[in-house]
Protein backbone atom coordinates (compact mmCIF):
# COMPACT_ATOMS: atom_id res chain seq x y z
CA MET A 1 -31.05 -7.93 -29.63
CA THR A 2 -28.32 -8.98 -27.01
CA LYS A 3 -25.12 -7.02 -27.23
CA VAL A 4 -21.84 -9.31 -27.30
CA VAL A 5 -18.26 -8.19 -26.75
CA GLY A 6 -15.38 -9.56 -28.55
CA ARG A 7 -11.99 -9.03 -30.10
CA VAL A 8 -11.54 -8.32 -33.83
CA SER A 9 -9.47 -11.39 -34.95
CA ARG A 10 -9.19 -10.50 -38.75
CA TYR A 11 -10.19 -7.64 -41.00
CA THR A 12 -9.20 -7.59 -44.67
CA SER A 13 -10.41 -6.80 -47.96
CA LEU A 14 -10.99 -8.50 -51.25
CA ARG A 15 -10.95 -6.88 -54.67
CA LEU A 16 -13.99 -7.83 -56.77
CA LYS A 17 -13.80 -8.24 -60.61
CA THR A 18 -15.65 -5.18 -60.87
CA GLY A 19 -12.74 -3.47 -59.36
CA GLU A 20 -14.53 -2.47 -55.93
CA GLU A 21 -12.83 -3.66 -52.77
CA LYS A 22 -15.04 -5.45 -50.30
CA TYR A 23 -14.03 -5.44 -46.55
CA PHE A 24 -14.81 -8.35 -44.31
CA GLY A 25 -13.68 -9.97 -40.88
CA SER A 26 -14.30 -11.93 -38.07
CA VAL A 27 -14.74 -11.29 -34.22
CA SER A 28 -13.76 -13.59 -31.61
CA VAL A 29 -15.89 -14.04 -28.31
CA THR A 30 -14.00 -16.96 -27.01
CA THR A 31 -11.17 -19.01 -28.27
CA THR A 32 -13.62 -21.34 -30.16
CA GLN A 33 -16.29 -18.81 -30.83
CA GLU A 34 -15.83 -16.58 -33.96
CA TYR A 35 -18.36 -14.46 -35.93
CA SER A 36 -18.11 -13.11 -39.40
CA PHE A 37 -19.05 -9.37 -40.40
CA TYR A 38 -18.89 -7.06 -43.31
CA THR A 39 -18.39 -3.19 -43.55
CA ASN A 40 -22.00 -2.59 -43.68
CA GLY A 41 -22.40 -3.97 -40.26
CA ILE A 42 -19.87 -1.56 -38.86
CA LEU A 43 -21.42 1.50 -37.05
CA CYS A 44 -18.40 3.39 -36.28
CA ASP A 45 -15.82 4.77 -38.49
CA LYS A 46 -14.58 1.60 -40.41
CA PHE A 47 -10.98 2.40 -40.41
CA LEU A 48 -10.93 2.36 -36.79
CA ILE A 49 -11.70 -1.46 -36.93
CA GLU A 50 -8.38 -3.40 -37.14
CA PRO A 51 -7.24 -6.80 -35.40
CA GLU A 52 -7.08 -6.89 -31.88
CA VAL A 53 -9.31 -3.92 -31.03
CA PHE A 54 -12.40 -4.77 -28.66
CA VAL A 55 -15.90 -4.19 -30.14
CA ILE A 56 -19.50 -4.59 -29.03
CA PHE A 57 -21.81 -5.96 -31.20
CA GLU A 58 -25.32 -7.87 -31.93
CA LEU A 59 -25.81 -10.97 -33.73
CA ASP A 60 -27.95 -11.51 -36.68
CA HIS A 61 -28.72 -14.78 -38.21
CA PRO A 62 -29.49 -14.39 -41.99
CA GLN A 63 -31.93 -17.26 -43.41
CA ASP A 64 -29.32 -17.95 -45.93
CA LYS A 65 -26.40 -18.46 -43.62
CA SER A 66 -25.59 -21.38 -41.42
CA GLU A 67 -23.99 -19.12 -38.69
CA PRO A 68 -24.81 -15.93 -37.13
CA GLU A 69 -23.35 -12.64 -38.18
CA ALA A 70 -22.00 -9.65 -36.12
CA ILE A 71 -23.85 -6.54 -37.05
CA ASN A 72 -23.99 -3.03 -35.52
CA ILE A 73 -20.46 -3.16 -34.45
CA GLU A 74 -18.93 -0.44 -32.29
CA LEU A 75 -15.68 0.07 -30.67
CA VAL A 76 -15.76 -0.45 -26.68
CA THR A 77 -15.42 2.68 -25.13
CA ASP A 78 -14.81 3.78 -21.64
CA SER A 79 -17.95 6.06 -21.04
CA ASP A 80 -20.56 3.64 -21.93
CA LEU A 81 -21.59 1.83 -18.61
CA GLU A 82 -23.59 -0.90 -20.43
CA THR A 83 -20.47 -1.97 -22.58
CA LEU A 84 -18.20 -1.85 -19.41
CA SER A 85 -20.74 -4.05 -17.65
CA LYS A 86 -20.76 -6.41 -20.64
CA CYS A 87 -16.68 -6.44 -20.46
CA ALA A 88 -16.87 -7.25 -16.78
CA GLN A 89 -19.11 -9.96 -17.05
CA SER A 90 -17.60 -11.82 -19.81
CA ASN A 91 -16.10 -15.30 -19.03
CA GLU A 92 -13.55 -14.81 -21.82
CA LYS A 93 -10.41 -13.81 -19.91
CA SER A 94 -9.18 -11.39 -22.57
CA VAL A 95 -12.45 -9.49 -22.53
CA TRP A 96 -12.75 -9.11 -18.75
CA GLU A 97 -8.85 -8.41 -18.09
CA LEU A 98 -9.30 -5.32 -20.90
CA PHE A 99 -11.92 -4.13 -18.57
CA PHE A 100 -10.16 -4.55 -15.32
CA ASN A 101 -6.53 -3.68 -16.66
CA THR A 102 -7.58 -0.87 -18.86
CA SER A 103 -10.95 0.53 -19.48
CA LEU A 104 -11.72 0.53 -15.64
CA TYR A 105 -8.66 2.91 -15.10
CA ARG A 106 -9.96 5.16 -17.81
CA ALA A 107 -13.30 5.12 -17.17
CA ILE A 108 -12.68 6.39 -13.49
CA SER A 109 -10.25 9.11 -14.59
CA ASN A 110 -12.31 10.39 -17.28
CA ASP A 111 -15.00 11.02 -14.54
CA GLU A 112 -13.49 11.10 -11.09
CA LYS A 113 -16.12 13.27 -9.47
CA ASN A 114 -19.19 11.27 -10.65
CA ASP A 115 -20.03 9.13 -7.53
CA GLU A 116 -22.86 7.32 -9.20
CA LYS A 117 -20.46 5.97 -11.78
CA LYS A 118 -17.98 4.93 -9.38
CA ASP A 119 -20.84 3.19 -7.15
CA THR A 120 -21.72 1.20 -10.56
CA LEU A 121 -18.15 0.41 -11.18
CA ILE A 122 -17.75 -1.06 -7.61
CA LYS A 123 -20.63 -2.95 -8.29
CA LEU A 124 -19.19 -4.37 -11.35
CA CYS A 125 -15.87 -5.35 -9.33
CA PHE A 126 -18.12 -7.29 -6.93
CA LEU A 127 -20.07 -9.03 -9.46
CA LYS A 128 -17.01 -10.12 -11.07
CA LEU A 129 -15.47 -11.43 -7.89
CA LYS A 130 -18.57 -13.27 -7.38
CA LEU A 131 -18.69 -14.75 -10.82
CA LEU A 132 -14.90 -15.73 -10.33
CA ASN A 133 -15.64 -17.53 -6.91
CA LEU A 134 -18.30 -19.40 -8.79
CA LEU A 135 -16.15 -20.47 -11.73
CA TYR A 136 -12.89 -20.95 -10.13
CA LYS A 137 -13.37 -21.72 -6.50
CA SER A 138 -9.82 -23.55 -5.81
CA GLU A 139 -7.99 -21.00 -7.99
CA ALA A 140 -7.09 -18.12 -5.74
CA LYS A 141 -4.72 -16.47 -8.32
CA LYS A 142 -7.58 -15.08 -10.66
CA LYS A 143 -9.12 -13.53 -7.71
CA ILE A 144 -5.84 -12.04 -6.76
CA ASP A 145 -5.10 -10.74 -10.18
CA LEU A 146 -8.53 -9.22 -10.27
CA LEU A 147 -8.04 -7.27 -6.90
CA LYS A 148 -4.52 -6.20 -8.09
CA SER A 149 -6.23 -4.44 -11.26
CA ILE A 150 -8.68 -2.52 -9.31
CA PRO A 151 -7.88 1.11 -9.36
CA ASP A 152 -6.68 2.95 -5.83
CA ILE A 153 -9.59 5.11 -6.00
CA LEU A 154 -12.27 2.49 -5.72
CA TYR A 155 -10.57 0.81 -2.91
CA LEU A 156 -10.58 4.42 -1.10
CA GLU A 157 -14.15 4.71 -2.07
CA SER A 158 -15.36 1.41 -0.70
CA THR A 159 -14.53 -0.45 2.67
CA GLU A 160 -16.21 -3.63 1.26
CA LEU A 161 -13.38 -3.99 -1.28
CA CYS A 162 -10.90 -3.51 1.31
CA LYS A 163 -12.65 -6.35 3.30
CA GLU A 164 -11.88 -8.57 0.24
CA LEU A 165 -8.20 -7.80 0.66
CA GLU A 166 -8.52 -8.34 4.54
CA GLN A 167 -9.97 -11.97 3.95
CA LEU A 168 -6.98 -13.09 1.86
CA GLU A 169 -4.74 -15.61 3.31
CA THR A 170 -1.26 -13.98 4.22
CA GLU A 171 0.50 -16.13 1.40
CA ASP A 172 -2.14 -14.85 -1.41
CA TYR A 173 -1.81 -11.33 0.28
CA SER A 174 2.11 -11.45 -0.71
CA GLU A 175 1.13 -11.28 -4.27
CA LEU A 176 -0.28 -7.74 -4.13
CA TYR A 177 0.51 -6.17 -0.83
CA ASN A 178 2.74 -3.68 -2.89
CA ASP A 179 -0.08 -2.55 -5.24
CA ILE A 180 -2.41 -1.45 -2.33
CA PRO A 181 -2.58 2.46 -1.74
CA ILE A 182 -1.00 3.71 1.31
CA ARG A 183 -4.09 5.44 2.31
CA VAL A 184 -5.77 2.03 2.56
CA TYR A 185 -3.20 0.82 4.75
CA ILE A 186 -3.83 4.03 7.15
CA GLU A 187 -7.50 3.03 7.33
CA SER A 188 -7.14 -0.88 7.67
CA LYS A 189 -4.95 -1.84 10.78
CA SER A 190 -5.74 -5.59 9.64
CA LEU A 191 -3.95 -5.12 6.32
CA ARG A 192 -0.91 -3.61 8.35
CA ASN A 193 -1.10 -6.83 10.52
CA LYS A 194 -0.93 -8.79 7.27
CA LEU A 195 2.29 -6.82 6.44
CA LYS A 196 3.65 -7.85 9.81
CA ASP A 197 2.75 -11.49 9.24
CA LEU A 198 4.59 -11.22 5.79
CA MET A 199 7.69 -10.16 7.45
CA ALA A 200 7.42 -12.69 10.19
CA SER A 201 7.03 -15.62 7.25
CA ARG A 202 10.12 -13.88 5.81
CA ILE A 203 8.05 -13.23 2.53
CA LEU A 204 8.48 -9.61 2.98
CA THR A 205 12.03 -8.33 3.99
CA THR A 206 12.35 -6.04 7.19
CA GLU A 207 13.69 -3.16 4.96
CA ALA A 208 10.58 -3.40 2.66
CA TYR A 209 8.24 -3.55 5.73
CA TRP A 210 9.63 -0.52 7.29
CA ASN A 211 9.73 1.31 3.93
CA ILE A 212 6.17 0.84 3.56
CA TYR A 213 5.48 1.78 7.15
CA ASP A 214 7.56 4.82 6.58
CA GLN A 215 5.36 5.84 3.61
CA ILE A 216 2.27 5.21 5.92
CA TYR A 217 3.73 7.51 8.52
CA GLN A 218 4.46 10.32 5.86
CA GLU A 219 0.90 10.17 4.51
CA CYS A 220 -0.36 10.56 7.86
CA THR A 221 1.82 13.44 8.77
CA GLU A 222 1.50 15.32 5.52
CA THR A 223 -2.29 14.83 5.55
CA GLU A 224 -2.20 15.96 9.31
CA LYS A 225 -3.95 12.75 10.47
CA ILE A 226 -3.33 13.21 14.07
CA GLU A 227 -5.32 10.30 15.48
CA GLU A 228 -3.80 8.05 12.70
CA THR A 229 -0.13 9.09 13.09
CA GLU A 230 -0.38 8.64 16.87
CA GLU A 231 -1.65 5.09 15.96
CA ILE A 232 1.14 4.26 13.62
CA VAL A 233 3.82 5.52 15.89
CA ASP A 234 2.27 3.39 18.76
CA GLU A 235 2.19 0.19 16.48
CA VAL A 236 6.15 0.84 15.72
CA SER A 237 6.66 1.58 19.19
CA ILE A 238 5.18 -1.71 20.75
CA TYR A 239 6.70 -3.68 18.08
CA ILE A 240 10.41 -2.57 18.88
CA LYS A 241 9.90 -2.44 22.68
CA TYR A 242 9.40 -6.25 23.01
CA ARG A 243 12.24 -7.10 20.49
CA PRO A 244 15.38 -8.57 22.07
CA GLU A 245 18.48 -6.12 22.40
CA GLN A 246 20.45 -8.01 19.63
CA GLU A 247 17.55 -7.55 17.09
CA GLN A 248 16.80 -3.92 18.18
CA ASN A 249 20.72 -3.25 17.38
CA THR A 250 19.97 -4.23 13.89
CA LEU A 251 16.56 -2.57 13.65
CA ILE A 252 17.75 0.79 14.97
CA HIS A 253 20.12 1.12 11.65
CA GLU A 254 17.39 -0.33 9.40
CA LEU A 255 14.52 1.81 10.56
CA PRO A 256 14.08 4.81 8.12
CA ASN A 257 14.83 8.32 9.56
CA ASN A 258 11.29 9.68 9.57
CA LEU A 259 10.35 6.69 11.93
CA LYS A 260 13.37 6.93 13.99
CA GLY A 261 12.87 10.75 14.32
CA GLU A 262 9.88 10.44 16.36
CA PRO A 263 10.69 10.67 20.01
CA LYS A 264 8.36 7.80 21.18
CA ILE A 265 9.53 5.55 18.64
CA PHE A 266 13.50 6.11 19.29
CA GLN A 267 13.03 5.96 22.98
CA SER A 268 11.19 2.64 22.66
CA PHE A 269 14.68 1.04 21.84
CA LYS A 270 16.76 -0.29 25.00
CA PRO A 271 18.65 2.45 26.72
CA LYS A 272 21.91 0.85 25.88
CA VAL A 273 20.64 0.54 21.92
CA GLN A 274 19.82 4.18 22.00
CA VAL A 275 23.18 5.46 23.52
CA ASP A 276 25.33 2.93 21.20
CA PHE A 277 23.44 4.52 18.15
CA ILE A 278 24.33 8.17 19.07
CA TRP A 279 27.46 7.66 21.06
CA ASP A 280 29.85 8.99 18.48
CA SER A 281 27.66 12.19 18.06
CA PHE A 282 27.17 12.31 21.70
CA LYS A 283 31.06 12.45 22.43
CA ALA A 284 31.28 15.45 20.07
CA ASN A 285 28.25 17.41 21.20
CA SER A 286 26.52 15.76 24.11
CA THR A 287 23.90 18.63 24.48
CA SER A 288 22.73 18.18 20.90
CA GLU A 289 21.89 14.47 21.47
CA TRP A 290 20.53 14.78 25.00
CA ASP A 291 16.83 15.59 24.32
CA GLN A 292 16.03 12.51 22.01
CA LEU A 293 17.16 10.08 24.76
CA SER A 294 15.03 8.26 27.21
CA ASN A 295 15.29 9.08 30.82
CA LYS A 296 16.98 5.53 31.37
CA ALA A 297 19.06 6.09 28.24
CA LYS A 298 20.21 9.54 29.80
CA ILE A 299 21.32 7.85 32.83
CA TYR A 300 23.12 5.26 30.85
CA SER A 301 25.04 7.89 28.60
CA LEU A 302 26.15 10.00 31.83
CA TYR A 303 27.40 6.53 33.24
CA ARG A 304 29.37 5.84 30.06
CA ALA A 305 30.54 9.43 29.89
CA PHE A 306 32.10 9.27 33.20
CA GLU A 307 33.49 5.92 32.58
CA GLU A 308 35.23 6.95 29.43
CA LYS A 309 36.23 10.36 30.75
CA VAL A 310 34.13 12.08 27.97
CA CYS A 311 34.03 15.89 28.39
CA ILE A 312 30.27 16.80 29.16
CA THR A 313 30.74 20.33 30.84
CA ASP A 314 28.27 21.83 28.76
CA LEU A 315 25.48 19.07 29.19
CA ILE A 316 26.25 19.24 33.09
CA LYS A 317 25.34 22.80 33.24
CA LYS A 318 22.21 21.95 31.30
CA ILE A 319 21.25 19.11 33.68
CA SER A 320 21.66 21.27 36.46
CA GLN A 321 18.74 23.15 35.45
CA ASP A 322 16.67 20.03 34.76
CA ASP A 323 13.70 19.23 36.69
CA ASP A 324 14.27 15.48 36.77
CA ALA A 325 15.57 14.43 40.31
CA LEU A 326 16.77 10.89 39.06
CA ILE A 327 19.05 12.23 36.39
CA SER A 328 20.37 15.00 38.79
CA PHE A 329 21.32 12.40 41.33
CA ALA A 330 22.90 10.30 38.83
CA VAL A 331 25.23 13.25 37.62
CA LYS A 332 26.26 13.78 41.43
CA LEU A 333 26.70 9.85 41.91
CA PHE A 334 28.62 9.35 38.83
CA SER A 335 31.04 12.38 39.64
CA HIS A 336 31.41 11.63 43.31
CA LYS A 337 34.91 12.32 43.48
CA LYS A 338 34.05 15.89 42.80
CA GLU A 339 30.92 15.89 44.75
CA SER A 340 30.77 16.07 48.46
CA PHE A 341 28.73 13.24 50.29
CA GLU A 342 26.50 16.26 51.64
CA GLU A 343 25.51 17.16 47.96
CA ILE A 344 24.93 13.51 47.19
CA HIS A 345 22.80 13.13 50.28
CA LYS A 346 20.69 16.06 49.53
CA SER A 347 19.95 14.92 46.03
CA LEU A 348 19.06 11.53 47.26
CA LEU A 349 16.53 13.18 50.04
CA THR A 350 14.78 15.13 46.87
CA LEU A 351 14.55 11.84 44.72
CA ILE A 352 12.85 10.11 47.53
CA ILE A 353 10.67 12.72 48.48
CA ARG A 354 9.56 13.12 44.70
CA ALA A 355 8.87 9.53 44.28
CA CYS A 356 6.54 9.71 47.57
């Protein structure tokens, strides 16, 4: 007999004249399809059967009845792959949603190390996606709801499932970007680009965008993924580098500290933006802020310090030991009233020679 999955819609008792209680009920397969059952048709503990629970059963058509009856009724469990498969393939929304929203998670967590079982569950996900595409070609939301309900671990196990996400339109992806595991973003540059598209479309705020990138960066560093960390840093740096100065002035305040603390990222801001951001701290302790600045930003900070008559004596001592000829020359040039022409000329010659 073919097994069917349904939900108990009614389960009650009737006291007979003999005083005996007779239990009976009905189970719904769809909103219009319902089958009756009796206590003797229940294989599991009858006290576990109650309205709204999901069961798997077989159909029997007694000769004296006009409709089939549900028999061999058992509760849906997360360990039986046959039952889970029936749930996944059901056309009844309440049944397949039970599988994807509840049973699939429990089936994975109960047996995380069983690769064969995970492969079977991944295949069920693809089977359901295929069925949804056939039944609801024009309704993207059903596919999105399904993708949203798939447990993280399956996305991490299956590059093919990730490709399903990558193929979504930007607007559709906005429905589930926040449900995607950070580790999936690490592996998929295409999905990171989708985040950028969401921000460009103003569907995703800049704050939310950078918070996700911050989580991606932290996950990379904590798991010591060196190549991936460098890739993330490069992406952020390139994005910042080509922003206009006005936008950079806002962005440097919005960017999470973890990202901003990366020298390559911080130095991708324009020199003036870097210096403006650290200026108050620079005036208080110029040597502590010096190393995080790019070379051009260092020169701009020196110019501004001399213009505003900020005391940078300790910094000058540090720079005198610096091997960068351009910075050494800038110090002498900006402090020309204290430096002899001969010293400036000597520094300029050194700078020219090193440039050759």
